[in-house]
Amino acid sequence: MKKTPFISHSRDEETMEAKARWFQSLTVEERLQMLCDLTDLALSLTPSLAEQKHAEPIPGRVQVLTRT
């Protein structure tokens, strides 16, 4: 019996693996646009983020890059 595809709106079915597969399916341009959109959202909610100078890395989660 063939399984019928369906769309779920339950967040319980959104695994990290599924999210990673979706993100990997985006083109580089789409990934950069997503980054810009998320940055714009964060700055619109907390404008003072742009003024913070001393970001600290969170071990195992985020890498902070600086210009040299």
N, C-alpha and C. Protein backbone atom coordinates (compact mmCIF):
# COMPACT_ATOMS: atom_id res chain seq x y z
N MET A 1 0.84 -1.18 0.00
CA MET A 1 0.00 0.00 0.00
C MET A 1 0.88 1.24 0.00
N LYS A 2 0.60 2.17 -0.89
CA LYS A 2 1.39 3.38 -1.02
C LYS A 2 0.97 4.39 0.04
N LYS A 3 1.99 4.99 0.69
CA LYS A 3 1.72 5.97 1.74
C LYS A 3 1.38 7.32 1.09
N THR A 4 0.31 7.93 1.53
CA THR A 4 -0.13 9.21 1.00
C THR A 4 0.65 10.33 1.69
N PRO A 5 1.30 11.23 0.92
CA PRO A 5 2.02 12.34 1.55
C PRO A 5 1.04 13.29 2.22
N PHE A 6 1.50 13.93 3.28
CA PHE A 6 0.64 14.88 3.98
C PHE A 6 1.49 16.00 4.54
N ILE A 7 0.84 17.07 4.90
CA ILE A 7 1.50 18.21 5.52
C ILE A 7 1.05 18.27 6.96
N SER A 8 2.04 18.34 7.85
CA SER A 8 1.73 18.43 9.28
C SER A 8 2.05 19.84 9.75
N HIS A 9 1.25 20.34 10.66
CA HIS A 9 1.49 21.65 11.24
C HIS A 9 1.88 21.52 12.71
N SER A 10 2.30 20.33 13.09
CA SER A 10 2.67 20.07 14.48
C SER A 10 4.17 20.29 14.67
N ARG A 11 4.54 21.10 15.64
CA ARG A 11 5.96 21.33 15.93
C ARG A 11 6.60 20.07 16.53
N ASP A 12 5.79 19.16 17.06
CA ASP A 12 6.32 17.92 17.61
C ASP A 12 6.99 17.06 16.55
N GLU A 13 6.63 17.25 15.29
CA GLU A 13 7.18 16.45 14.21
C GLU A 13 8.37 17.12 13.53
N GLU A 14 8.79 18.29 14.03
CA GLU A 14 9.93 19.01 13.47
C GLU A 14 11.20 18.62 14.23
N THR A 15 11.91 17.64 13.74
CA THR A 15 13.14 17.22 14.39
C THR A 15 14.30 18.12 13.96
N MET A 16 15.37 18.12 14.74
CA MET A 16 16.55 18.89 14.36
C MET A 16 17.12 18.38 13.04
N GLU A 17 17.05 17.07 12.82
CA GLU A 17 17.55 16.49 11.58
C GLU A 17 16.75 16.99 10.38
N ALA A 18 15.43 17.07 10.54
CA ALA A 18 14.58 17.55 9.46
C ALA A 18 14.87 19.02 9.16
N LYS A 19 15.09 19.80 10.20
CA LYS A 19 15.41 21.21 10.01
C LYS A 19 16.77 21.36 9.31
N ALA A 20 17.73 20.52 9.70
CA ALA A 20 19.06 20.57 9.07
C ALA A 20 18.96 20.19 7.60
N ARG A 21 18.17 19.16 7.28
CA ARG A 21 17.99 18.76 5.88
C ARG A 21 17.36 19.89 5.07
N TRP A 22 16.37 20.57 5.67
CA TRP A 22 15.73 21.67 4.97
C TRP A 22 16.73 22.79 4.71
N PHE A 23 17.51 23.16 5.73
CA PHE A 23 18.48 24.24 5.56
C PHE A 23 19.54 23.88 4.53
N GLN A 24 19.99 22.62 4.52
CA GLN A 24 20.99 22.18 3.56
C GLN A 24 20.43 22.16 2.14
N SER A 25 19.13 22.11 2.00
CA SER A 25 18.53 22.09 0.67
C SER A 25 18.49 23.49 0.04
N LEU A 26 18.74 24.53 0.85
CA LEU A 26 18.73 25.90 0.34
C LEU A 26 20.01 26.20 -0.43
N THR A 27 19.92 27.11 -1.38
CA THR A 27 21.10 27.56 -2.09
C THR A 27 21.89 28.49 -1.17
N VAL A 28 23.13 28.79 -1.54
CA VAL A 28 23.95 29.70 -0.74
C VAL A 28 23.26 31.06 -0.64
N GLU A 29 22.69 31.52 -1.74
CA GLU A 29 22.00 32.81 -1.73
C GLU A 29 20.81 32.80 -0.78
N GLU A 30 20.06 31.70 -0.77
CA GLU A 30 18.91 31.59 0.14
C GLU A 30 19.36 31.53 1.59
N ARG A 31 20.47 30.84 1.85
CA ARG A 31 21.00 30.78 3.23
C ARG A 31 21.44 32.17 3.69
N LEU A 32 22.12 32.91 2.82
CA LEU A 32 22.55 34.26 3.18
C LEU A 32 21.36 35.18 3.39
N GLN A 33 20.32 35.04 2.57
CA GLN A 33 19.12 35.84 2.75
C GLN A 33 18.46 35.51 4.09
N MET A 34 18.44 34.23 4.45
CA MET A 34 17.88 33.82 5.75
C MET A 34 18.68 34.46 6.89
N LEU A 35 20.01 34.47 6.78
CA LEU A 35 20.85 35.10 7.79
C LEU A 35 20.55 36.59 7.90
N CYS A 36 20.43 37.26 6.76
CA CYS A 36 20.11 38.70 6.76
C CYS A 36 18.74 38.96 7.37
N ASP A 37 17.77 38.13 7.02
CA ASP A 37 16.41 38.30 7.57
C ASP A 37 16.40 38.11 9.08
N LEU A 38 17.11 37.10 9.57
CA LEU A 38 17.16 36.85 11.01
C LEU A 38 17.90 37.97 11.74
N THR A 39 18.97 38.48 11.12
CA THR A 39 19.70 39.60 11.71
C THR A 39 18.81 40.84 11.77
N ASP A 40 18.09 41.13 10.70
CA ASP A 40 17.17 42.27 10.69
C ASP A 40 16.10 42.11 11.76
N LEU A 41 15.58 40.91 11.91
CA LEU A 41 14.56 40.65 12.94
C LEU A 41 15.13 40.90 14.33
N ALA A 42 16.32 40.34 14.59
CA ALA A 42 16.94 40.51 15.91
C ALA A 42 17.20 41.98 16.20
N LEU A 43 17.69 42.72 15.20
CA LEU A 43 17.98 44.14 15.41
C LEU A 43 16.71 44.97 15.56
N SER A 44 15.64 44.57 14.90
CA SER A 44 14.39 45.32 15.05
C SER A 44 13.79 45.09 16.44
N LEU A 45 14.01 43.93 17.01
CA LEU A 45 13.48 43.64 18.35
C LEU A 45 14.37 44.20 19.45
N THR A 46 15.70 44.22 19.20
CA THR A 46 16.67 44.69 20.19
C THR A 46 17.73 45.54 19.48
N PRO A 47 17.43 46.80 19.21
CA PRO A 47 18.37 47.64 18.47
C PRO A 47 19.74 47.78 19.14
N SER A 48 19.81 47.63 20.45
CA SER A 48 21.09 47.78 21.16
C SER A 48 22.08 46.65 20.84
N LEU A 49 21.63 45.60 20.17
CA LEU A 49 22.54 44.51 19.80
C LEU A 49 23.70 45.01 18.95
N ALA A 50 23.44 45.98 18.10
CA ALA A 50 24.47 46.51 17.21
C ALA A 50 25.55 47.27 17.97
N GLU A 51 25.24 47.71 19.18
CA GLU A 51 26.18 48.50 19.97
C GLU A 51 27.06 47.65 20.87
N GLN A 52 26.72 46.39 21.06
CA GLN A 52 27.49 45.53 21.95
C GLN A 52 28.81 45.15 21.30
N LYS A 53 29.91 45.27 22.05
CA LYS A 53 31.24 45.09 21.48
C LYS A 53 31.91 43.77 21.86
N HIS A 54 31.68 43.27 23.04
CA HIS A 54 32.47 42.16 23.54
C HIS A 54 31.65 40.87 23.59
N ALA A 55 31.41 40.30 22.44
CA ALA A 55 30.67 39.05 22.37
C ALA A 55 31.56 37.92 22.89
N GLU A 56 30.97 37.03 23.63
CA GLU A 56 31.68 35.87 24.17
C GLU A 56 31.14 34.61 23.52
N PRO A 57 32.03 33.70 23.11
CA PRO A 57 31.56 32.46 22.50
C PRO A 57 30.88 31.55 23.52
N ILE A 58 29.88 30.82 23.06
CA ILE A 58 29.21 29.82 23.89
C ILE A 58 29.82 28.49 23.49
N PRO A 59 30.50 27.81 24.39
CA PRO A 59 31.20 26.57 24.01
C PRO A 59 30.27 25.57 23.32
N GLY A 60 30.72 25.12 22.13
CA GLY A 60 29.99 24.10 21.40
C GLY A 60 28.80 24.60 20.60
N ARG A 61 28.51 25.89 20.62
CA ARG A 61 27.32 26.37 19.94
C ARG A 61 27.60 27.45 18.90
N VAL A 62 28.36 28.48 19.28
CA VAL A 62 28.54 29.62 18.40
C VAL A 62 30.02 29.99 18.38
N GLN A 63 30.54 30.31 17.21
CA GLN A 63 31.90 30.78 17.11
C GLN A 63 31.87 32.26 16.78
N VAL A 64 32.57 33.07 17.57
CA VAL A 64 32.62 34.50 17.37
C VAL A 64 33.84 34.83 16.52
N LEU A 65 33.61 35.50 15.38
CA LEU A 65 34.69 35.86 14.48
C LEU A 65 34.97 37.35 14.60
N THR A 66 36.24 37.72 14.49
CA THR A 66 36.60 39.12 14.51
C THR A 66 37.50 39.42 13.32
N ARG A 67 37.50 40.68 12.89
CA ARG A 67 38.38 41.10 11.81
C ARG A 67 39.77 41.33 12.37
N THR A 68 40.78 40.96 11.60
CA THR A 68 42.15 41.21 12.04
C THR A 68 42.85 42.16 11.11
